[in-house]
Protein backbone atom coordinates (compact mmCIF):
# COMPACT_ATOMS: atom_id res chain seq x y z
CA UNK A 1 15.46 22.55 16.14
CA UNK A 2 15.87 22.91 12.39
CA UNK A 3 17.21 19.35 12.14
CA UNK A 4 14.27 18.02 14.18
CA UNK A 5 11.73 19.84 11.98
CA UNK A 6 13.40 18.46 8.86
CA UNK A 7 13.01 14.93 10.19
CA UNK A 8 9.32 15.54 10.96
CA UNK A 9 8.74 16.65 7.37
CA UNK A 10 10.52 13.56 6.04
CA UNK A 11 8.55 11.26 8.36
CA UNK A 12 5.19 12.73 7.31
CA UNK A 13 6.03 12.31 3.63
CA UNK A 14 7.23 8.73 4.18
CA UNK A 15 4.21 7.90 6.34
CA UNK A 16 1.89 9.20 3.62
CA UNK A 17 3.12 6.73 1.02
CA UNK A 18 3.22 3.94 3.60
CA UNK A 19 -0.44 4.67 4.30
CA UNK A 20 -1.42 4.38 0.63
CA UNK A 21 0.05 0.89 0.45
CA UNK A 22 -1.17 -0.16 3.90
CA UNK A 23 -4.82 0.56 3.13
CA UNK A 24 -4.62 -1.98 0.31
CA UNK A 25 -3.78 -4.67 2.86
CA UNK A 26 -6.58 -3.45 5.13
CA UNK A 27 -9.22 -3.30 2.39
CA UNK A 28 -8.61 -6.87 1.25
CA UNK A 29 -8.48 -8.16 4.81
CA UNK A 30 -11.67 -6.28 5.67
CA UNK A 31 -13.60 -7.92 2.83
CA UNK A 32 -11.95 -11.37 2.56
CA UNK A 33 -10.33 -11.75 5.99
CA UNK A 34 -7.19 -12.57 4.01
CA UNK A 35 -3.70 -11.10 4.06
CA UNK A 36 -2.77 -10.46 0.43
CA UNK A 37 0.99 -10.97 0.25
CA UNK A 38 0.99 -10.32 -3.49
CA UNK A 39 0.15 -6.68 -2.75
CA UNK A 40 3.82 -5.72 -2.35
CA UNK A 41 4.66 -7.16 -5.78
CA UNK A 42 1.71 -5.29 -7.32
CA UNK A 43 3.21 -2.13 -5.78
CA UNK A 44 6.51 -2.93 -7.51
CA UNK A 45 4.84 -3.67 -10.87
CA UNK A 46 3.00 -0.34 -10.76
CA UNK A 47 6.28 1.51 -10.22
CA UNK A 48 7.95 -0.35 -13.10
CA UNK A 49 5.02 0.28 -15.44
CA UNK A 50 5.53 4.03 -15.05
CA UNK A 51 9.25 3.56 -15.79
CA UNK A 52 8.48 1.50 -18.91
CA UNK A 53 5.90 3.97 -20.21
CA UNK A 54 8.05 7.05 -19.65
CA UNK A 55 11.53 5.73 -20.51
CA UNK A 56 10.81 3.05 -23.11
CA UNK A 57 7.44 3.98 -24.61
CA UNK A 58 8.32 7.71 -24.26
CA UNK A 59 4.87 8.74 -23.03
CA UNK A 60 4.46 12.08 -21.24
CA UNK A 61 4.36 11.96 -17.45
CA UNK A 62 0.64 12.40 -16.76
CA UNK A 63 -0.68 9.89 -19.35
CA UNK A 64 1.98 7.40 -18.23
CA UNK A 65 0.97 7.89 -14.61
CA UNK A 66 -2.75 7.40 -15.26
CA UNK A 67 -2.16 4.41 -17.53
CA UNK A 68 0.18 2.78 -14.99
CA UNK A 69 -2.41 3.16 -12.24
CA UNK A 70 -5.20 1.81 -14.46
CA UNK A 71 -3.22 -1.22 -15.66
CA UNK A 72 -2.10 -2.03 -12.12
CA UNK A 73 -5.69 -1.84 -10.92
CA UNK A 74 -6.75 -4.39 -13.53
CA UNK A 75 -3.72 -6.51 -12.62
CA UNK A 76 -5.09 -6.69 -9.08
CA UNK A 77 -8.48 -7.79 -10.44
CA UNK A 78 -6.78 -10.47 -12.56
CA UNK A 79 -4.81 -11.74 -9.55
CA UNK A 80 -8.03 -12.13 -7.57
CA UNK A 81 -9.95 -13.84 -10.39
CA UNK A 82 -7.20 -16.26 -11.38
CA UNK A 83 -5.56 -17.15 -8.08
CA UNK A 84 -8.12 -16.53 -5.32
CA UNK A 85 -11.65 -16.79 -6.67
CA UNK A 86 -11.46 -20.49 -7.66
CA UNK A 87 -10.27 -21.33 -4.14
CA UNK A 88 -13.05 -19.28 -2.58
CA UNK A 89 -15.77 -20.78 -4.77
CA UNK A 90 -14.56 -24.29 -3.87
CA UNK A 91 -14.65 -23.42 -0.16
CA UNK A 92 -10.95 -24.01 0.30
CA UNK A 93 -9.45 -23.01 3.68
CA UNK A 94 -7.97 -19.56 4.18
CA UNK A 95 -4.41 -20.82 4.35
CA UNK A 96 -4.70 -22.11 0.77
CA UNK A 97 -5.53 -18.59 -0.40
CA UNK A 98 -2.73 -17.19 1.74
CA UNK A 99 -0.20 -19.52 0.14
CA UNK A 100 -1.62 -18.62 -3.27
CA UNK A 101 -0.90 -14.92 -2.68
CA UNK A 102 2.69 -15.75 -1.71
CA UNK A 103 3.11 -17.78 -4.90
CA UNK A 104 1.58 -14.99 -6.98
CA UNK A 105 4.00 -12.52 -5.42
CA UNK A 106 6.99 -14.68 -6.38
CA UNK A 107 5.68 -15.08 -9.94
CA UNK A 108 5.25 -11.31 -10.39
CA UNK A 109 8.73 -10.64 -9.01
CA UNK A 110 10.33 -13.12 -11.38
CA UNK A 111 8.41 -11.81 -14.39
CA UNK A 112 9.70 -8.30 -13.69
CA UNK A 113 13.19 -9.72 -13.10
CA UNK A 114 13.14 -11.36 -16.54
CA UNK A 115 11.82 -8.20 -18.18
CA UNK A 116 13.82 -5.50 -16.38
CA UNK A 117 16.79 -7.25 -14.77
CA UNK A 118 18.10 -6.77 -11.24
CA UNK A 119 19.94 -3.45 -11.69
CA UNK A 120 18.78 -0.25 -10.05
CA UNK A 121 17.36 2.03 -12.74
CA UNK A 122 17.11 5.85 -12.72
CA UNK A 123 13.56 7.10 -12.25
CA UNK A 124 11.98 10.28 -13.55
CA UNK A 125 10.78 12.59 -10.82
CA UNK A 126 8.71 15.74 -10.55
CA UNK A 127 10.42 19.05 -9.74
CA UNK A 128 13.98 17.66 -9.45
CA UNK A 129 15.97 19.61 -6.89
CA UNK A 130 13.20 22.16 -6.29
CA UNK A 131 12.09 23.00 -2.75
CA UNK A 132 10.71 25.75 -0.55
CA UNK A 133 12.13 27.06 2.71
CA UNK A 134 10.15 27.52 5.91
CA UNK A 135 12.67 29.20 8.12
CA UNK A 136 15.65 26.89 8.06
CA UNK A 137 13.57 23.84 7.08
CA UNK A 138 13.56 22.85 3.43
CA UNK A 139 10.57 20.99 1.98
CA UNK A 140 10.92 19.56 -1.52
CA UNK A 141 8.10 20.02 -4.00
CA UNK A 142 7.98 16.23 -4.32
CA UNK A 143 7.29 15.87 -0.59
CA UNK A 144 4.48 18.41 -0.86
CA UNK A 145 2.94 16.52 -3.80
CA UNK A 146 3.22 13.20 -1.94
CA UNK A 147 1.51 14.48 1.21
CA UNK A 148 -1.18 16.42 -0.70
CA UNK A 149 -2.11 13.61 -3.09
CA UNK A 150 -1.96 10.96 -0.36
CA UNK A 151 -4.24 13.00 1.91
CA UNK A 152 -6.69 13.64 -0.92
CA UNK A 153 -6.81 9.94 -1.84
CA UNK A 154 -7.24 8.78 1.75
CA UNK A 155 -10.08 11.24 2.41
CA UNK A 156 -11.75 10.40 -0.92
CA UNK A 157 -11.51 6.67 -0.24
CA UNK A 158 -12.95 7.09 3.24
CA UNK A 159 -15.91 9.08 1.86
CA UNK A 160 -16.37 6.55 -0.95
CA UNK A 161 -16.61 3.63 1.49
CA UNK A 162 -18.93 5.47 3.88
CA UNK A 163 -21.23 7.33 1.45
CA UNK A 164 -21.39 5.56 -1.93
CA UNK A 165 -23.57 2.57 -2.82
CA UNK A 166 -20.47 0.61 -3.86
CA UNK A 167 -18.82 1.47 -0.55
CA UNK A 168 -21.87 0.31 1.41
CA UNK A 169 -21.81 -2.92 -0.61
CA UNK A 170 -18.17 -3.39 0.38
CA UNK A 171 -19.01 -2.91 4.04
CA UNK A 172 -21.96 -5.29 3.79
CA UNK A 173 -19.78 -7.93 2.13
CA UNK A 174 -17.18 -7.50 4.86
CA UNK A 175 -19.88 -8.18 7.47
CA UNK A 176 -21.39 -11.31 5.92
CA UNK A 177 -21.07 -12.83 2.42
CA UNK A 178 -24.32 -14.76 2.49
CA UNK A 179 -26.42 -11.91 3.86
CA UNK A 180 -24.94 -9.54 1.27
CA UNK A 181 -25.86 -11.91 -1.56
CA UNK A 182 -29.41 -12.27 -0.19
CA UNK A 183 -29.69 -8.48 -0.33
CA UNK A 184 -28.85 -8.57 -4.06
CA UNK A 185 -25.19 -7.61 -3.77
CA UNK A 186 -22.78 -9.24 -6.21
CA UNK A 187 -20.05 -10.37 -3.86
CA UNK A 188 -17.66 -11.22 -6.69
CA UNK A 189 -18.03 -7.72 -8.15
CA UNK A 190 -17.42 -6.15 -4.77
CA UNK A 191 -14.26 -8.20 -4.25
CA UNK A 192 -13.01 -7.29 -7.74
CA UNK A 193 -13.64 -3.61 -7.00
CA UNK A 194 -11.74 -3.93 -3.73
CA UNK A 195 -8.72 -5.42 -5.49
CA UNK A 196 -8.89 -2.80 -8.24
CA UNK A 197 -8.90 0.12 -5.81
CA UNK A 198 -6.23 -1.37 -3.55
CA UNK A 199 -3.92 -2.20 -6.47
CA UNK A 200 -4.40 1.18 -8.17
CA UNK A 201 -3.54 3.01 -4.96
CA UNK A 202 -0.52 0.72 -4.47
CA UNK A 203 0.68 1.77 -7.93
CA UNK A 204 0.38 5.45 -6.97
CA UNK A 205 2.36 4.76 -3.81
CA UNK A 206 5.02 2.84 -5.75
CA UNK A 207 5.42 5.62 -8.30
CA UNK A 208 5.71 8.27 -5.57
CA UNK A 209 8.29 6.25 -3.62
CA UNK A 210 10.46 5.77 -6.70
CA UNK A 211 10.08 9.42 -7.68
CA UNK A 212 11.18 10.44 -4.20
CA UNK A 213 14.28 8.19 -4.30
CA UNK A 214 14.73 8.70 -8.08
CA UNK A 215 15.41 4.99 -8.63
CA UNK A 216 13.61 1.66 -8.99
CA UNK A 217 14.56 -2.01 -8.72
CA UNK A 218 12.76 -5.33 -8.25
CA UNK A 219 13.45 -5.43 -4.49
CA UNK A 220 11.48 -2.28 -3.73
CA UNK A 221 8.22 -4.18 -3.35
CA UNK A 222 9.67 -6.59 -0.79
CA UNK A 223 11.43 -3.99 1.36
CA UNK A 224 8.56 -1.52 1.26
CA UNK A 225 5.87 -4.17 1.55
CA UNK A 226 7.24 -5.57 4.81
CA UNK A 227 7.10 -2.19 6.51
CA UNK A 228 3.67 -1.28 5.19
CA UNK A 229 2.36 -4.67 6.31
CA UNK A 230 3.86 -3.97 9.74
CA UNK A 231 2.11 -0.60 9.72
CA UNK A 232 -1.20 -2.28 8.86
CA UNK A 233 -0.89 -4.74 11.73
CA UNK A 234 0.27 -2.01 14.11
CA UNK A 235 -2.77 0.16 13.43
CA UNK A 236 -5.23 -2.74 13.44
CA UNK A 237 -5.59 -4.79 10.28
CA UNK A 238 -8.89 -4.24 8.53
CA UNK A 239 -9.18 -0.68 9.90
CA UNK A 240 -8.36 2.04 7.33
CA UNK A 241 -7.78 4.69 10.00
CA UNK A 242 -5.52 2.25 11.80
CA UNK A 243 -3.53 1.70 8.61
CA UNK A 244 -2.87 5.45 8.37
CA UNK A 245 -1.98 5.77 12.06
CA UNK A 246 0.29 2.73 11.95
CA UNK A 247 2.01 4.04 8.83
CA UNK A 248 2.82 7.37 10.46
CA UNK A 249 4.14 5.69 13.62
CA UNK A 250 6.36 3.33 11.62
CA UNK A 251 7.63 6.23 9.48
CA UNK A 252 8.45 8.39 12.52
CA UNK A 253 10.21 5.50 14.25
CA UNK A 254 12.24 4.76 11.15
CA UNK A 255 13.21 8.34 10.31
CA UNK A 256 14.10 9.39 13.88
CA UNK A 257 16.10 6.23 14.49
CA UNK A 258 18.12 6.91 11.35
CA UNK A 259 18.57 10.58 12.31
CA UNK A 260 19.46 10.26 15.98
CA UNK A 261 20.79 6.73 16.49
CA UNK A 262 22.06 4.86 13.43
CA UNK A 263 20.86 4.55 9.85
CA UNK A 264 21.75 0.86 9.76
CA UNK A 265 19.01 0.00 12.28
CA UNK A 266 16.20 2.16 10.88
CA UNK A 267 14.31 -0.91 9.66
CA UNK A 268 14.81 -2.64 13.00
CA UNK A 269 13.16 0.26 14.85
CA UNK A 270 9.91 -0.13 12.93
CA UNK A 271 9.52 -3.77 13.92
CA UNK A 272 10.57 -3.17 17.53
CA UNK A 273 7.73 -0.66 17.81
CA UNK A 274 5.36 -3.19 16.23
CA UNK A 275 6.30 -5.93 18.71
CA UNK A 276 6.01 -3.63 21.73
CA UNK A 277 2.54 -2.40 20.69
CA UNK A 278 1.26 -5.90 19.94
CA UNK A 279 2.39 -7.14 23.35
CA UNK A 280 0.08 -4.52 24.89
CA UNK A 281 -2.66 -4.48 22.23
CA UNK A 282 -2.64 -7.75 20.26
CA UNK A 283 -5.28 -6.45 17.81
CA UNK A 284 -3.34 -3.27 17.02
CA UNK A 285 -3.96 0.31 18.12
CA UNK A 286 -7.40 0.68 16.53
CA UNK A 287 -8.18 -2.96 15.83
CA UNK A 288 -11.04 -4.83 17.45
CA UNK A 289 -11.15 -8.46 18.57
CA UNK A 290 -12.29 -10.70 15.71
CA UNK A 291 -15.61 -12.36 16.44
CA UNK A 292 -15.86 -15.94 15.30
CA UNK A 293 -18.73 -16.44 12.86
CA UNK A 294 -20.94 -19.44 13.60
């Protein structure tokens, strides 16, 4: 029983950081109806920025964290303005934007490779080795921080989208570009805000993941991004609640497969679950059929 409970704790913590990254995919898809494949590389850049600021620039942890998140948010805005907005303004097809995000992802990966190399680097973490015991189950302070901060961010983001004027503008833009512009909404500003929020949250997720594993390398964006994208599709792409649900399911499948079957197939389990669910519900667990706009 103690072993089972320990795996549940690990799965919840892993699912929490998956959810932070997955909602970035969902937000962009909800507004642009576009899968942003550069999101995983932005995740990786955010994690490396914290490493650079703490280990090279020697900044304290909190200022380095806030600055990393802020810079990554503006990086997301720059990616949208430079690589996607010109295509959108020229009415280029969606696949052109999709290919552009793939190219942007490769560029970001190679820039970080040139700057930081391919070696795995040690990463500063909070509360190293510290944990609490609940019966025979041990919960690290880092896991508590991850779950608490992730929950707070997810609730805050949900309230922001539902209650704030900017959030209502995002929902209006997601419904119809032209109608939103006729109502006086700056669509370009809304899209920039969406990329800023999604990228900033991806940076937080990247930093937490690397803190939890106490290491960072340039492949972390690719490996983590594939599973968070799978979680987004599983829950229903474009649905923030679905992104959270999908993330938890993928995390539980991965952790319990590693614990009870074989660690070498933990990644396989996540995608097997995805395929099975999509065979039954092609739009994901909470996704809705996409209506064609005419």
